[in-house]
Amino acid sequence: MLANATIPSPEDNRDWIAESIFPAKNELNLPKTLDLRSKMKTPRNQKSRGTCAAFTG
């Protein structure tokens, strides 16, 4: 049992590492940072409703 009370799955010889079957053709050229704040709506007051997830977007 792990520290967070989960039980790890048993070893399974049918598990495969995807890269061993489908090697990556190219390295991804990703930016070091990504700022999406301009895409987000401004926060709103949910008042007494428990709708915090709905008010995020």
N, C-alpha and C. Protein backbone atom coordinates (compact mmCIF):
# COMPACT_ATOMS: atom_id res chain seq x y z
N MET A 1 0.85 -1.17 0.00
CA MET A 1 0.00 0.00 0.00
C MET A 1 0.90 1.23 0.00
N LEU A 2 0.54 2.21 -0.80
CA LEU A 2 1.32 3.43 -0.91
C LEU A 2 0.90 4.42 0.17
N ALA A 3 1.64 5.51 0.29
CA ALA A 3 1.39 6.49 1.34
C ALA A 3 0.01 7.12 1.25
N ASN A 4 -0.54 7.23 0.05
CA ASN A 4 -1.86 7.85 -0.09
C ASN A 4 -2.99 6.82 -0.05
N ALA A 5 -2.74 5.65 0.51
CA ALA A 5 -3.72 4.58 0.73
C ALA A 5 -4.21 3.93 -0.56
N THR A 6 -3.44 4.03 -1.63
CA THR A 6 -3.82 3.33 -2.85
C THR A 6 -3.07 2.01 -2.93
N ILE A 7 -3.64 1.07 -3.60
CA ILE A 7 -3.00 -0.23 -3.79
C ILE A 7 -2.52 -0.27 -5.24
N PRO A 8 -1.22 -0.45 -5.46
CA PRO A 8 -0.72 -0.47 -6.83
C PRO A 8 -1.26 -1.67 -7.60
N SER A 9 -1.43 -1.50 -8.91
CA SER A 9 -1.88 -2.60 -9.75
C SER A 9 -0.81 -3.68 -9.78
N PRO A 10 -1.22 -4.94 -9.90
CA PRO A 10 -0.22 -6.00 -10.01
C PRO A 10 0.53 -5.91 -11.33
N GLU A 11 1.73 -6.44 -11.36
CA GLU A 11 2.54 -6.47 -12.57
C GLU A 11 1.78 -7.25 -13.65
N ASP A 12 1.80 -6.76 -14.88
CA ASP A 12 1.08 -7.41 -15.98
C ASP A 12 1.99 -7.43 -17.19
N ASN A 13 2.37 -8.61 -17.66
CA ASN A 13 3.30 -8.70 -18.79
C ASN A 13 2.66 -8.26 -20.10
N ARG A 14 1.36 -7.94 -20.09
CA ARG A 14 0.70 -7.42 -21.30
C ARG A 14 0.87 -5.91 -21.42
N ASP A 15 1.39 -5.25 -20.38
CA ASP A 15 1.62 -3.81 -20.43
C ASP A 15 2.80 -3.52 -21.35
N TRP A 16 2.65 -2.52 -22.18
CA TRP A 16 3.70 -2.13 -23.11
C TRP A 16 4.00 -0.65 -22.95
N ILE A 17 5.23 -0.29 -23.18
CA ILE A 17 5.62 1.12 -23.23
C ILE A 17 5.34 1.60 -24.66
N ALA A 18 4.51 2.63 -24.79
CA ALA A 18 4.09 3.09 -26.12
C ALA A 18 5.28 3.44 -27.01
N GLU A 19 6.31 4.08 -26.46
CA GLU A 19 7.45 4.47 -27.27
C GLU A 19 8.20 3.28 -27.85
N SER A 20 8.11 2.12 -27.21
CA SER A 20 8.80 0.95 -27.75
C SER A 20 8.09 0.41 -28.99
N ILE A 21 6.81 0.73 -29.14
CA ILE A 21 6.04 0.28 -30.30
C ILE A 21 5.96 1.38 -31.35
N PHE A 22 5.69 2.59 -30.90
CA PHE A 22 5.54 3.74 -31.78
C PHE A 22 6.54 4.82 -31.39
N PRO A 23 7.79 4.70 -31.84
CA PRO A 23 8.79 5.70 -31.44
C PRO A 23 8.43 7.08 -31.99
N ALA A 24 8.74 8.11 -31.21
CA ALA A 24 8.46 9.48 -31.63
C ALA A 24 9.30 9.81 -32.85
N LYS A 25 8.65 10.37 -33.85
CA LYS A 25 9.38 10.70 -35.08
C LYS A 25 10.19 11.98 -34.92
N ASN A 26 9.64 12.94 -34.23
CA ASN A 26 10.31 14.23 -34.04
C ASN A 26 10.19 14.65 -32.59
N GLU A 27 11.17 15.39 -32.15
CA GLU A 27 11.07 15.99 -30.83
C GLU A 27 10.06 17.12 -30.92
N LEU A 28 9.27 17.28 -29.88
CA LEU A 28 8.31 18.38 -29.86
C LEU A 28 9.03 19.67 -29.55
N ASN A 29 8.70 20.71 -30.27
CA ASN A 29 9.29 22.02 -30.05
C ASN A 29 8.28 22.87 -29.29
N LEU A 30 8.20 22.66 -27.98
CA LEU A 30 7.23 23.35 -27.15
C LEU A 30 7.86 24.55 -26.47
N PRO A 31 7.07 25.61 -26.26
CA PRO A 31 7.62 26.77 -25.55
C PRO A 31 7.90 26.42 -24.09
N LYS A 32 8.84 27.13 -23.48
CA LYS A 32 9.15 26.88 -22.08
C LYS A 32 8.02 27.32 -21.16
N THR A 33 7.28 28.36 -21.56
CA THR A 33 6.15 28.84 -20.78
C THR A 33 4.96 29.05 -21.70
N LEU A 34 3.77 29.04 -21.10
CA LEU A 34 2.54 29.27 -21.85
C LEU A 34 1.59 30.04 -20.94
N ASP A 35 1.19 31.21 -21.35
CA ASP A 35 0.33 32.07 -20.55
C ASP A 35 -1.04 32.16 -21.22
N LEU A 36 -2.05 31.56 -20.61
CA LEU A 36 -3.40 31.55 -21.16
C LEU A 36 -4.34 32.49 -20.42
N ARG A 37 -3.78 33.36 -19.59
CA ARG A 37 -4.64 34.25 -18.81
C ARG A 37 -5.53 35.12 -19.68
N SER A 38 -5.09 35.50 -20.85
CA SER A 38 -5.91 36.36 -21.72
C SER A 38 -7.13 35.61 -22.27
N LYS A 39 -7.11 34.30 -22.22
CA LYS A 39 -8.23 33.48 -22.70
C LYS A 39 -9.29 33.24 -21.62
N MET A 40 -8.97 33.56 -20.37
CA MET A 40 -9.87 33.26 -19.26
C MET A 40 -10.83 34.41 -19.01
N LYS A 41 -12.03 34.06 -18.57
CA LYS A 41 -13.00 35.07 -18.18
C LYS A 41 -12.62 35.59 -16.79
N THR A 42 -13.11 36.78 -16.47
CA THR A 42 -12.82 37.33 -15.16
C THR A 42 -13.61 36.58 -14.10
N PRO A 43 -13.08 36.45 -12.89
CA PRO A 43 -13.79 35.75 -11.82
C PRO A 43 -15.09 36.48 -11.48
N ARG A 44 -16.10 35.70 -11.11
CA ARG A 44 -17.39 36.27 -10.71
C ARG A 44 -17.72 35.77 -9.31
N ASN A 45 -18.62 36.45 -8.66
CA ASN A 45 -19.04 36.08 -7.32
C ASN A 45 -20.13 35.02 -7.41
N GLN A 46 -19.90 33.85 -6.81
CA GLN A 46 -20.90 32.78 -6.84
C GLN A 46 -21.93 32.94 -5.73
N LYS A 47 -21.74 33.91 -4.88
CA LYS A 47 -22.62 34.18 -3.74
C LYS A 47 -22.78 32.91 -2.91
N SER A 48 -23.98 32.53 -2.56
CA SER A 48 -24.18 31.37 -1.68
C SER A 48 -24.32 30.06 -2.46
N ARG A 49 -24.24 30.12 -3.79
CA ARG A 49 -24.37 28.89 -4.59
C ARG A 49 -23.05 28.11 -4.56
N GLY A 50 -23.15 26.80 -4.53
CA GLY A 50 -21.95 25.97 -4.57
C GLY A 50 -21.55 25.66 -6.00
N THR A 51 -21.34 26.68 -6.80
CA THR A 51 -21.10 26.48 -8.23
C THR A 51 -19.71 26.95 -8.65
N CYS A 52 -18.72 26.76 -7.81
CA CYS A 52 -17.41 27.32 -8.12
C CYS A 52 -16.85 26.78 -9.43
N ALA A 53 -17.07 25.51 -9.76
CA ALA A 53 -16.57 24.96 -11.03
C ALA A 53 -17.26 25.62 -12.21
N ALA A 54 -18.56 25.88 -12.10
CA ALA A 54 -19.29 26.51 -13.20
C ALA A 54 -18.87 27.96 -13.38
N PHE A 55 -18.44 28.60 -12.34
CA PHE A 55 -18.05 30.00 -12.44
C PHE A 55 -16.63 30.18 -12.95
N THR A 56 -15.91 29.12 -13.21
CA THR A 56 -14.56 29.26 -13.73
C THR A 56 -14.56 29.51 -15.22
N GLY A 57 -15.62 29.23 -15.91
CA GLY A 57 -15.61 29.39 -17.35
C GLY A 57 -16.90 29.86 -17.83
